[in-house]
Amino acid sequence: MGVIIKLISVAGVVSAVLLSLFCLGSGLYILSTWIEDNARITKKILEYLSMVVASIHILLLIFDGFPILNTLYSMVCIGIYSLLLNTFPIVNMLSFTFLGSILFAVGNHFVWFFYFVEKVDIYSYAEISSFMGVCVWFLPILYFISLDSSENTLPSYDSSGKSKRRQNIFQSLVSKLTGTNTNKNIENAL
């Protein structure tokens, strides 16, 4: 009894997950293309968002009694992320700043994860996931999306000697996976 409906529900869940992943990938691709074309605006946006996230941390410290050491650690993380803006949009992936920002981002995740594990009875799942999304993961993800691959930092040329548009990490990945030139596809679409 109910075999067909269970198969339909499994197929529906699988379809929804695949569609969600496709939409997420498409959105990241479009966002990374926009970021590449608008590096100055992106730098300003990242500066403002860093200040907003830092302000949220301070407000949570003052009004909601969040721990001062965790908050200070998050502020240091935001400061490390902001150091990436000195050479933005070009980021050396072997630099101390880049590697440090990765380590601090992972550390920030665990600092707050262990805090919320102890307070799971006080905060709801929605509150914890919203905090982690906005105050812990938001900035590192935006910085990651805005990275250009190091081999495509300078203009490159194809075999005919014509200059090609730079590709960022997501464009390079899509090009390699699909075996197509995403720059030509974008130009044809426009």
N, C-alpha and C. Protein backbone atom coordinates (compact mmCIF):
# COMPACT_ATOMS: atom_id res chain seq x y z
N MET A 1 0.83 -1.18 0.00
CA MET A 1 0.00 0.00 0.00
C MET A 1 0.87 1.25 0.00
N GLY A 2 0.63 2.16 -0.92
CA GLY A 2 1.33 3.44 -0.97
C GLY A 2 2.70 3.39 -1.62
N VAL A 3 2.97 2.37 -2.45
CA VAL A 3 4.28 2.24 -3.08
C VAL A 3 4.47 3.33 -4.14
N ILE A 4 3.47 3.54 -4.96
CA ILE A 4 3.58 4.52 -6.04
C ILE A 4 3.77 5.93 -5.49
N ILE A 5 3.03 6.30 -4.46
CA ILE A 5 3.15 7.64 -3.90
C ILE A 5 4.53 7.86 -3.29
N LYS A 6 5.11 6.79 -2.71
CA LYS A 6 6.46 6.90 -2.16
C LYS A 6 7.47 7.10 -3.28
N LEU A 7 7.31 6.39 -4.38
CA LEU A 7 8.20 6.57 -5.54
C LEU A 7 8.08 7.98 -6.10
N ILE A 8 6.85 8.47 -6.17
CA ILE A 8 6.64 9.83 -6.67
C ILE A 8 7.28 10.86 -5.73
N SER A 9 7.16 10.65 -4.44
CA SER A 9 7.74 11.60 -3.49
C SER A 9 9.26 11.57 -3.54
N VAL A 10 9.86 10.39 -3.71
CA VAL A 10 11.31 10.30 -3.85
C VAL A 10 11.76 11.00 -5.13
N ALA A 11 11.05 10.75 -6.22
CA ALA A 11 11.39 11.41 -7.49
C ALA A 11 11.23 12.92 -7.37
N GLY A 12 10.21 13.37 -6.66
CA GLY A 12 10.00 14.80 -6.46
C GLY A 12 11.10 15.43 -5.64
N VAL A 13 11.54 14.76 -4.58
CA VAL A 13 12.62 15.28 -3.74
C VAL A 13 13.93 15.34 -4.52
N VAL A 14 14.24 14.27 -5.24
CA VAL A 14 15.46 14.24 -6.05
C VAL A 14 15.42 15.35 -7.10
N SER A 15 14.30 15.53 -7.77
CA SER A 15 14.16 16.59 -8.77
C SER A 15 14.33 17.96 -8.13
N ALA A 16 13.75 18.17 -6.97
CA ALA A 16 13.86 19.47 -6.29
C ALA A 16 15.30 19.75 -5.89
N VAL A 17 16.00 18.74 -5.40
CA VAL A 17 17.40 18.93 -5.01
C VAL A 17 18.25 19.26 -6.24
N LEU A 18 18.07 18.51 -7.32
CA LEU A 18 18.84 18.77 -8.54
C LEU A 18 18.54 20.15 -9.11
N LEU A 19 17.27 20.54 -9.13
CA LEU A 19 16.90 21.86 -9.61
C LEU A 19 17.49 22.96 -8.72
N SER A 20 17.46 22.74 -7.42
CA SER A 20 18.04 23.72 -6.50
C SER A 20 19.54 23.87 -6.72
N LEU A 21 20.23 22.76 -6.92
CA LEU A 21 21.67 22.82 -7.19
C LEU A 21 21.96 23.52 -8.51
N PHE A 22 21.15 23.25 -9.52
CA PHE A 22 21.32 23.92 -10.80
C PHE A 22 21.11 25.43 -10.66
N CYS A 23 20.07 25.82 -9.94
CA CYS A 23 19.79 27.25 -9.73
C CYS A 23 20.91 27.92 -8.94
N LEU A 24 21.42 27.23 -7.92
CA LEU A 24 22.51 27.77 -7.13
C LEU A 24 23.76 27.95 -7.99
N GLY A 25 24.08 26.94 -8.79
CA GLY A 25 25.23 27.03 -9.67
C GLY A 25 25.09 28.14 -10.70
N SER A 26 23.91 28.27 -11.27
CA SER A 26 23.67 29.33 -12.25
C SER A 26 23.77 30.70 -11.61
N GLY A 27 23.22 30.83 -10.42
CA GLY A 27 23.29 32.10 -9.71
C GLY A 27 24.72 32.48 -9.36
N LEU A 28 25.51 31.51 -8.91
CA LEU A 28 26.92 31.78 -8.60
C LEU A 28 27.69 32.18 -9.85
N TYR A 29 27.38 31.52 -10.96
CA TYR A 29 28.05 31.85 -12.21
C TYR A 29 27.72 33.28 -12.65
N ILE A 30 26.47 33.64 -12.61
CA ILE A 30 26.07 35.00 -13.00
C ILE A 30 26.66 36.03 -12.05
N LEU A 31 26.63 35.73 -10.75
CA LEU A 31 27.20 36.65 -9.75
C LEU A 31 28.69 36.81 -9.96
N SER A 32 29.41 35.73 -10.22
CA SER A 32 30.85 35.84 -10.43
C SER A 32 31.18 36.62 -11.70
N THR A 33 30.36 36.48 -12.72
CA THR A 33 30.55 37.27 -13.94
C THR A 33 30.33 38.75 -13.67
N TRP A 34 29.29 39.07 -12.92
CA TRP A 34 29.03 40.48 -12.57
C TRP A 34 30.16 41.04 -11.73
N ILE A 35 30.64 40.27 -10.78
CA ILE A 35 31.74 40.72 -9.92
C ILE A 35 32.98 40.99 -10.75
N GLU A 36 33.27 40.12 -11.70
CA GLU A 36 34.45 40.32 -12.55
C GLU A 36 34.33 41.60 -13.37
N ASP A 37 33.15 41.89 -13.87
CA ASP A 37 32.96 43.08 -14.69
C ASP A 37 32.86 44.36 -13.89
N ASN A 38 32.61 44.27 -12.59
CA ASN A 38 32.42 45.45 -11.75
C ASN A 38 33.29 45.37 -10.50
N ALA A 39 34.61 45.29 -10.70
CA ALA A 39 35.53 45.08 -9.59
C ALA A 39 35.50 46.23 -8.58
N ARG A 40 35.44 47.45 -9.05
CA ARG A 40 35.42 48.60 -8.12
C ARG A 40 34.17 48.60 -7.24
N ILE A 41 33.04 48.38 -7.86
CA ILE A 41 31.79 48.35 -7.10
C ILE A 41 31.81 47.18 -6.12
N THR A 42 32.33 46.04 -6.56
CA THR A 42 32.42 44.87 -5.70
C THR A 42 33.29 45.16 -4.49
N LYS A 43 34.40 45.84 -4.70
CA LYS A 43 35.29 46.18 -3.58
C LYS A 43 34.56 47.06 -2.56
N LYS A 44 33.82 48.05 -3.04
CA LYS A 44 33.05 48.92 -2.13
C LYS A 44 31.97 48.12 -1.40
N ILE A 45 31.29 47.24 -2.12
CA ILE A 45 30.24 46.42 -1.50
C ILE A 45 30.85 45.54 -0.40
N LEU A 46 32.00 44.93 -0.68
CA LEU A 46 32.65 44.09 0.32
C LEU A 46 33.07 44.91 1.54
N GLU A 47 33.54 46.15 1.32
CA GLU A 47 33.91 47.01 2.44
C GLU A 47 32.69 47.32 3.31
N TYR A 48 31.59 47.70 2.68
CA TYR A 48 30.37 48.02 3.43
C TYR A 48 29.80 46.79 4.15
N LEU A 49 29.78 45.66 3.47
CA LEU A 49 29.25 44.45 4.09
C LEU A 49 30.11 44.01 5.27
N SER A 50 31.42 44.23 5.19
CA SER A 50 32.29 43.93 6.33
C SER A 50 31.91 44.78 7.53
N MET A 51 31.64 46.07 7.27
CA MET A 51 31.22 46.95 8.37
C MET A 51 29.86 46.54 8.92
N VAL A 52 28.95 46.13 8.05
CA VAL A 52 27.62 45.71 8.50
C VAL A 52 27.72 44.47 9.38
N VAL A 53 28.49 43.48 8.95
CA VAL A 53 28.63 42.24 9.73
C VAL A 53 29.32 42.54 11.07
N ALA A 54 30.34 43.41 11.05
CA ALA A 54 30.99 43.79 12.31
C ALA A 54 30.00 44.49 13.24
N SER A 55 29.17 45.35 12.68
CA SER A 55 28.16 46.04 13.49
C SER A 55 27.15 45.07 14.09
N ILE A 56 26.76 44.07 13.32
CA ILE A 56 25.84 43.05 13.83
C ILE A 56 26.47 42.32 15.01
N HIS A 57 27.76 41.99 14.88
CA HIS A 57 28.45 41.33 15.99
C HIS A 57 28.44 42.20 17.25
N ILE A 58 28.70 43.48 17.08
CA ILE A 58 28.71 44.40 18.23
C ILE A 58 27.32 44.49 18.86
N LEU A 59 26.29 44.59 18.02
CA LEU A 59 24.93 44.65 18.54
C LEU A 59 24.55 43.38 19.30
N LEU A 60 24.97 42.23 18.76
CA LEU A 60 24.70 40.97 19.45
C LEU A 60 25.45 40.89 20.78
N LEU A 61 26.64 41.43 20.82
CA LEU A 61 27.41 41.46 22.05
C LEU A 61 26.72 42.33 23.10
N ILE A 62 26.27 43.51 22.69
CA ILE A 62 25.69 44.47 23.63
C ILE A 62 24.28 44.05 24.07
N PHE A 63 23.42 43.74 23.12
CA PHE A 63 22.01 43.52 23.44
C PHE A 63 21.64 42.07 23.76
N ASP A 64 22.33 41.10 23.13
CA ASP A 64 21.95 39.71 23.35
C ASP A 64 22.95 38.95 24.22
N GLY A 65 23.99 39.62 24.68
CA GLY A 65 24.94 38.99 25.59
C GLY A 65 25.80 37.91 24.97
N PHE A 66 26.13 38.04 23.70
CA PHE A 66 27.01 37.06 23.08
C PHE A 66 28.40 37.17 23.71
N PRO A 67 29.18 36.08 23.70
CA PRO A 67 30.48 36.08 24.38
C PRO A 67 31.48 37.03 23.73
N ILE A 68 32.22 37.74 24.57
CA ILE A 68 33.15 38.76 24.07
C ILE A 68 34.32 38.14 23.31
N LEU A 69 34.85 37.00 23.76
CA LEU A 69 35.99 36.40 23.07
C LEU A 69 35.60 35.90 21.68
N ASN A 70 34.45 35.28 21.57
CA ASN A 70 33.98 34.83 20.25
C ASN A 70 33.77 36.03 19.33
N THR A 71 33.19 37.09 19.87
CA THR A 71 32.94 38.29 19.08
C THR A 71 34.25 38.94 18.64
N LEU A 72 35.22 39.01 19.54
CA LEU A 72 36.53 39.57 19.17
C LEU A 72 37.21 38.72 18.11
N TYR A 73 37.10 37.41 18.22
CA TYR A 73 37.67 36.53 17.21
C TYR A 73 37.01 36.78 15.85
N SER A 74 35.71 36.94 15.83
CA SER A 74 35.00 37.23 14.58
C SER A 74 35.44 38.58 14.00
N MET A 75 35.69 39.55 14.87
CA MET A 75 36.16 40.87 14.39
C MET A 75 37.55 40.74 13.77
N VAL A 76 38.41 39.93 14.38
CA VAL A 76 39.74 39.69 13.80
C VAL A 76 39.59 39.02 12.44
N CYS A 77 38.67 38.07 12.33
CA CYS A 77 38.42 37.40 11.05
C CYS A 77 38.00 38.41 9.98
N ILE A 78 37.10 39.30 10.34
CA ILE A 78 36.65 40.32 9.38
C ILE A 78 37.82 41.21 8.98
N GLY A 79 38.69 41.53 9.93
CA GLY A 79 39.88 42.32 9.62
C GLY A 79 40.81 41.59 8.66
N ILE A 80 40.98 40.29 8.87
CA ILE A 80 41.83 39.48 7.96
C ILE A 80 41.21 39.44 6.57
N TYR A 81 39.89 39.24 6.51
CA TYR A 81 39.22 39.24 5.20
C TYR A 81 39.42 40.58 4.50
N SER A 82 39.33 41.66 5.27
CA SER A 82 39.45 42.99 4.68
C SER A 82 40.84 43.26 4.12
N LEU A 83 41.85 42.57 4.63
CA LEU A 83 43.19 42.72 4.08
C LEU A 83 43.26 42.25 2.63
N LEU A 84 42.36 41.36 2.25
CA LEU A 84 42.32 40.90 0.85
C LEU A 84 41.95 42.03 -0.10
N LEU A 85 41.30 43.08 0.43
CA LEU A 85 40.88 44.19 -0.41
C LEU A 85 42.04 45.08 -0.85
N ASN A 86 43.21 44.96 -0.19
CA ASN A 86 44.36 45.78 -0.56
C ASN A 86 44.81 45.52 -1.99
N THR A 87 44.71 44.28 -2.44
CA THR A 87 45.12 43.94 -3.81
C THR A 87 43.94 43.50 -4.67
N PHE A 88 42.73 43.72 -4.19
CA PHE A 88 41.53 43.28 -4.89
C PHE A 88 41.44 43.92 -6.26
N PRO A 89 41.07 43.24 -7.31
CA PRO A 89 40.52 41.89 -7.43
C PRO A 89 41.57 40.81 -7.59
N ILE A 90 42.85 41.17 -7.63
CA ILE A 90 43.90 40.16 -7.79
C ILE A 90 44.29 39.67 -6.40
N VAL A 91 44.15 38.38 -6.19
CA VAL A 91 44.50 37.78 -4.91
C VAL A 91 45.48 36.65 -5.16
N ASN A 92 46.62 36.73 -4.50
CA ASN A 92 47.61 35.66 -4.59
C ASN A 92 47.17 34.54 -3.67
N MET A 93 46.86 33.39 -4.24
CA MET A 93 46.30 32.30 -3.45
C MET A 93 47.32 31.62 -2.56
N LEU A 94 48.59 32.00 -2.65
CA LEU A 94 49.61 31.47 -1.77
C LEU A 94 50.08 32.51 -0.76
N SER A 95 49.43 33.66 -0.73
CA SER A 95 49.84 34.72 0.20
C SER A 95 49.38 34.38 1.61
N PHE A 96 50.08 34.98 2.58
CA PHE A 96 49.73 34.79 3.98
C PHE A 96 48.31 35.26 4.25
N THR A 97 47.93 36.38 3.63
CA THR A 97 46.59 36.93 3.86
C THR A 97 45.50 35.97 3.40
N PHE A 98 45.66 35.42 2.22
CA PHE A 98 44.65 34.50 1.69
C PHE A 98 44.58 33.22 2.51
N LEU A 99 45.74 32.61 2.77
CA LEU A 99 45.76 31.38 3.54
C LEU A 99 45.28 31.62 4.97
N GLY A 100 45.67 32.76 5.53
CA GLY A 100 45.20 33.12 6.87
C GLY A 100 43.71 33.32 6.92
N SER A 101 43.15 33.94 5.88
CA SER A 101 41.70 34.16 5.86
C SER A 101 40.94 32.84 5.79
N ILE A 102 41.50 31.86 5.09
CA ILE A 102 40.86 30.54 5.03
C ILE A 102 40.89 29.89 6.41
N LEU A 103 42.06 29.92 7.05
CA LEU A 103 42.18 29.31 8.38
C LEU A 103 41.28 30.01 9.39
N PHE A 104 41.24 31.34 9.34
CA PHE A 104 40.40 32.08 10.26
C PHE A 104 38.91 31.83 10.00
N ALA A 105 38.53 31.66 8.74
CA ALA A 105 37.12 31.38 8.42
C ALA A 105 36.71 30.03 8.99
N VAL A 106 37.56 29.03 8.84
CA VAL A 106 37.26 27.71 9.40
C VAL A 106 37.22 27.79 10.93
N GLY A 107 38.20 28.50 11.50
CA GLY A 107 38.22 28.68 12.95
C GLY A 107 36.99 29.40 13.45
N ASN A 108 36.55 30.43 12.74
CA ASN A 108 35.36 31.19 13.13
C ASN A 108 34.12 30.28 13.13
N HIS A 109 34.04 29.42 12.13
CA HIS A 109 32.93 28.48 12.08
C HIS A 109 32.91 27.61 13.34
N PHE A 110 34.05 27.05 13.71
CA PHE A 110 34.09 26.15 14.85
C PHE A 110 33.90 26.89 16.17
N VAL A 111 34.42 28.10 16.28
CA VAL A 111 34.21 28.89 17.51
C VAL A 111 32.72 29.06 17.77
N TRP A 112 31.99 29.47 16.74
CA TRP A 112 30.55 29.70 16.92
C TRP A 112 29.77 28.39 16.96
N PHE A 113 30.21 27.39 16.25
CA PHE A 113 29.54 26.08 16.30
C PHE A 113 29.56 25.54 17.72
N PHE A 114 30.73 25.56 18.36
CA PHE A 114 30.82 25.03 19.73
C PHE A 114 30.05 25.89 20.72
N TYR A 115 29.97 27.19 20.46
CA TYR A 115 29.17 28.05 21.33
C TYR A 115 27.69 27.65 21.25
N PHE A 116 27.19 27.47 20.04
CA PHE A 116 25.77 27.14 19.87
C PHE A 116 25.44 25.71 20.28
N VAL A 117 26.42 24.80 20.24
CA VAL A 117 26.18 23.45 20.72
C VAL A 117 25.84 23.48 22.22
N GLU A 118 26.52 24.35 22.94
CA GLU A 118 26.24 24.49 24.38
C GLU A 118 24.91 25.21 24.65
N LYS A 119 24.46 26.04 23.71
CA LYS A 119 23.25 26.86 23.90
C LYS A 119 22.09 26.40 23.03
N VAL A 120 22.10 25.13 22.62
CA VAL A 120 21.09 24.64 21.68
C VAL A 120 19.68 24.72 22.28
N ASP A 121 19.56 24.69 23.60
CA ASP A 121 18.25 24.78 24.21
C ASP A 121 17.74 26.22 24.31
N ILE A 122 18.62 27.20 24.12
CA ILE A 122 18.24 28.61 24.22
C ILE A 122 17.83 29.17 22.86
N TYR A 123 18.59 28.83 21.82
CA TYR A 123 18.36 29.39 20.49
C TYR A 123 17.67 28.36 19.59
N SER A 124 16.79 28.84 18.74
CA SER A 124 16.12 27.95 17.79
C SER A 124 17.05 27.65 16.62
N TYR A 125 16.68 26.64 15.86
CA TYR A 125 17.45 26.28 14.68
C TYR A 125 17.50 27.45 13.69
N ALA A 126 16.41 28.15 13.52
CA ALA A 126 16.36 29.28 12.60
C ALA A 126 17.31 30.39 13.05
N GLU A 127 17.37 30.65 14.34
CA GLU A 127 18.26 31.70 14.86
C GLU A 127 19.73 31.31 14.67
N ILE A 128 20.04 30.05 14.95
CA ILE A 128 21.43 29.59 14.81
C ILE A 128 21.85 29.61 13.34
N SER A 129 21.02 29.06 12.47
CA SER A 129 21.40 29.01 11.06
C SER A 129 21.44 30.41 10.44
N SER A 130 20.58 31.30 10.87
CA SER A 130 20.62 32.68 10.36
C SER A 130 21.90 33.37 10.80
N PHE A 131 22.26 33.20 12.07
CA PHE A 131 23.50 33.80 12.56
C PHE A 131 24.70 33.25 11.80
N MET A 132 24.75 31.93 11.66
CA MET A 132 25.89 31.31 10.97
C MET A 132 25.95 31.78 9.51
N GLY A 133 24.81 31.89 8.87
CA GLY A 133 24.79 32.33 7.48
C GLY A 133 25.22 33.77 7.31
N VAL A 134 24.69 34.65 8.14
CA VAL A 134 24.96 36.09 7.98
C VAL A 134 26.29 36.50 8.60
N CYS A 135 26.56 36.05 9.80
CA CYS A 135 27.72 36.56 10.53
C CYS A 135 28.98 35.71 10.39
N VAL A 136 28.86 34.47 9.95
CA VAL A 136 30.03 33.60 9.88
C VAL A 136 30.39 33.26 8.43
N TRP A 137 29.44 32.88 7.61
CA TRP A 137 29.74 32.37 6.27
C TRP A 137 29.59 33.40 5.16
N PHE A 138 28.81 34.43 5.35
CA PHE A 138 28.47 35.36 4.29
C PHE A 138 29.71 36.01 3.66
N LEU A 139 30.56 36.63 4.47
CA LEU A 139 31.74 37.31 3.92
C LEU A 139 32.73 36.35 3.27
N PRO A 140 33.10 35.23 3.92
CA PRO A 140 34.04 34.33 3.22
C PRO A 140 33.51 33.81 1.89
N ILE A 141 32.21 33.54 1.82
CA ILE A 141 31.64 33.07 0.56
C ILE A 141 31.71 34.16 -0.51
N LEU A 142 31.40 35.40 -0.13
CA LEU A 142 31.48 36.50 -1.10
C LEU A 142 32.91 36.71 -1.58
N TYR A 143 33.88 36.64 -0.67
CA TYR A 143 35.28 36.77 -1.08
C TYR A 143 35.67 35.62 -2.00
N PHE A 144 35.21 34.42 -1.70
CA PHE A 144 35.53 33.27 -2.54
C PHE A 144 34.96 33.44 -3.95
N ILE A 145 33.73 33.89 -4.03
CA ILE A 145 33.09 34.08 -5.33
C ILE A 145 33.84 35.13 -6.15
N SER A 146 34.40 36.14 -5.48
CA SER A 146 35.03 37.24 -6.20
C SER A 146 36.46 36.95 -6.63
N LEU A 147 36.99 35.78 -6.28
CA LEU A 147 38.37 35.46 -6.66
C LEU A 147 38.50 35.17 -8.14
N ASP A 148 39.56 35.65 -8.73
CA ASP A 148 39.92 35.29 -10.10
C ASP A 148 41.00 34.23 -10.03
N SER A 149 40.96 33.30 -10.95
CA SER A 149 42.03 32.30 -10.97
C SER A 149 43.33 32.96 -11.40
N SER A 150 44.43 32.53 -10.81
CA SER A 150 45.70 33.21 -11.01
C SER A 150 46.20 33.11 -12.45
N GLU A 151 45.90 32.03 -13.17
CA GLU A 151 46.39 31.94 -14.54
C GLU A 151 45.60 32.84 -15.49
N ASN A 152 44.46 33.36 -15.05
CA ASN A 152 43.66 34.23 -15.90
C ASN A 152 43.68 35.68 -15.43
N THR A 153 44.67 36.04 -14.63
CA THR A 153 44.74 37.40 -14.11
C THR A 153 45.09 38.38 -15.22
N LEU A 154 46.03 38.00 -16.09
CA LEU A 154 46.40 38.86 -17.21
C LEU A 154 45.58 38.46 -18.42
N PRO A 155 45.37 39.39 -19.35
CA PRO A 155 44.62 39.01 -20.56
C PRO A 155 45.33 37.87 -21.27
N SER A 156 44.57 36.92 -21.76
CA SER A 156 45.16 35.79 -22.46
C SER A 156 44.80 35.87 -23.93
N TYR A 157 45.50 35.09 -24.73
CA TYR A 157 45.29 35.12 -26.18
C TYR A 157 45.03 33.72 -26.67
N ASP A 158 44.14 33.62 -27.66
CA ASP A 158 43.90 32.31 -28.24
C ASP A 158 44.91 32.06 -29.35
N SER A 159 44.80 30.93 -30.04
CA SER A 159 45.80 30.54 -31.04
C SER A 159 45.85 31.50 -32.23
N SER A 160 44.78 32.26 -32.48
CA SER A 160 44.80 33.20 -33.60
C SER A 160 45.40 34.54 -33.22
N GLY A 161 45.76 34.71 -31.96
CA GLY A 161 46.35 35.97 -31.51
C GLY A 161 45.34 36.98 -31.02
N LYS A 162 44.07 36.62 -31.03
CA LYS A 162 43.04 37.54 -30.55
C LYS A 162 42.96 37.49 -29.04
N SER A 163 42.75 38.64 -28.45
CA SER A 163 42.64 38.71 -26.99
C SER A 163 41.32 38.10 -26.54
N LYS A 164 41.40 37.33 -25.46
CA LYS A 164 40.20 36.72 -24.88
C LYS A 164 39.87 37.44 -23.58
N ARG A 165 38.58 37.42 -23.22
CA ARG A 165 38.16 37.94 -21.92
C ARG A 165 38.73 37.05 -20.83
N ARG A 166 39.02 37.65 -19.68
CA ARG A 166 39.45 36.86 -18.54
C ARG A 166 38.29 36.00 -18.06
N GLN A 167 38.61 34.88 -17.48
CA GLN A 167 37.60 34.02 -16.89
C GLN A 167 37.89 33.91 -15.40
N ASN A 168 36.85 33.89 -14.61
CA ASN A 168 37.07 33.67 -13.19
C ASN A 168 36.97 32.18 -12.91
N ILE A 169 37.07 31.81 -11.66
CA ILE A 169 37.12 30.41 -11.27
C ILE A 169 35.89 29.64 -11.76
N PHE A 170 34.70 30.22 -11.57
CA PHE A 170 33.48 29.51 -11.95
C PHE A 170 33.37 29.39 -13.47
N GLN A 171 33.75 30.42 -14.20
CA GLN A 171 33.71 30.34 -15.66
C GLN A 171 34.69 29.28 -16.16
N SER A 172 35.89 29.24 -15.58
CA SER A 172 36.88 28.24 -15.98
C SER A 172 36.36 26.84 -15.72
N LEU A 173 35.74 26.64 -14.56
CA LEU A 173 35.20 25.34 -14.21
C LEU A 173 34.09 24.91 -15.17
N VAL A 174 33.17 25.83 -15.46
CA VAL A 174 32.07 25.52 -16.38
C VAL A 174 32.62 25.22 -17.77
N SER A 175 33.62 25.98 -18.22
CA SER A 175 34.22 25.74 -19.53
C SER A 175 34.84 24.36 -19.61
N LYS A 176 35.55 23.97 -18.56
CA LYS A 176 36.21 22.67 -18.57
C LYS A 176 35.20 21.53 -18.48
N LEU A 177 34.15 21.71 -17.70
CA LEU A 177 33.16 20.65 -17.54
C LEU A 177 32.32 20.45 -18.79
N THR A 178 31.98 21.57 -19.45
CA THR A 178 31.11 21.46 -20.63
C THR A 178 31.89 21.38 -21.93
N GLY A 179 33.18 21.70 -21.88
CA GLY A 179 33.99 21.67 -23.09
C GLY A 179 33.65 22.79 -24.06
N THR A 180 33.05 23.88 -23.55
CA THR A 180 32.69 25.00 -24.40
C THR A 180 33.40 26.25 -23.92
N ASN A 181 33.41 27.26 -24.77
CA ASN A 181 33.98 28.54 -24.41
C ASN A 181 32.85 29.41 -23.90
N THR A 182 32.82 29.64 -22.59
CA THR A 182 31.72 30.40 -22.00
C THR A 182 31.75 31.86 -22.42
N ASN A 183 32.92 32.39 -22.74
CA ASN A 183 32.99 33.79 -23.18
C ASN A 183 32.22 33.98 -24.49
N LYS A 184 32.38 33.03 -25.43
CA LYS A 184 31.65 33.14 -26.69
C LYS A 184 30.15 32.99 -26.46
N ASN A 185 29.77 32.08 -25.55
CA ASN A 185 28.35 31.89 -25.26
C ASN A 185 27.75 33.15 -24.66
N ILE A 186 28.48 33.80 -23.80
CA ILE A 186 27.97 35.04 -23.17
C ILE A 186 27.85 36.14 -24.22
N GLU A 187 28.88 36.29 -25.06
CA GLU A 187 28.84 37.33 -26.09
C GLU A 187 27.74 37.07 -27.10
N ASN A 188 27.50 35.80 -27.45
CA ASN A 188 26.42 35.47 -28.38
C ASN A 188 25.06 35.75 -27.77
N ALA A 189 24.95 35.53 -26.46
CA ALA A 189 23.66 35.78 -25.78
C ALA A 189 23.35 37.27 -25.73
N LEU A 190 24.39 38.09 -25.66
CA LEU A 190 24.18 39.53 -25.62
C LEU A 190 23.93 40.02 -27.00
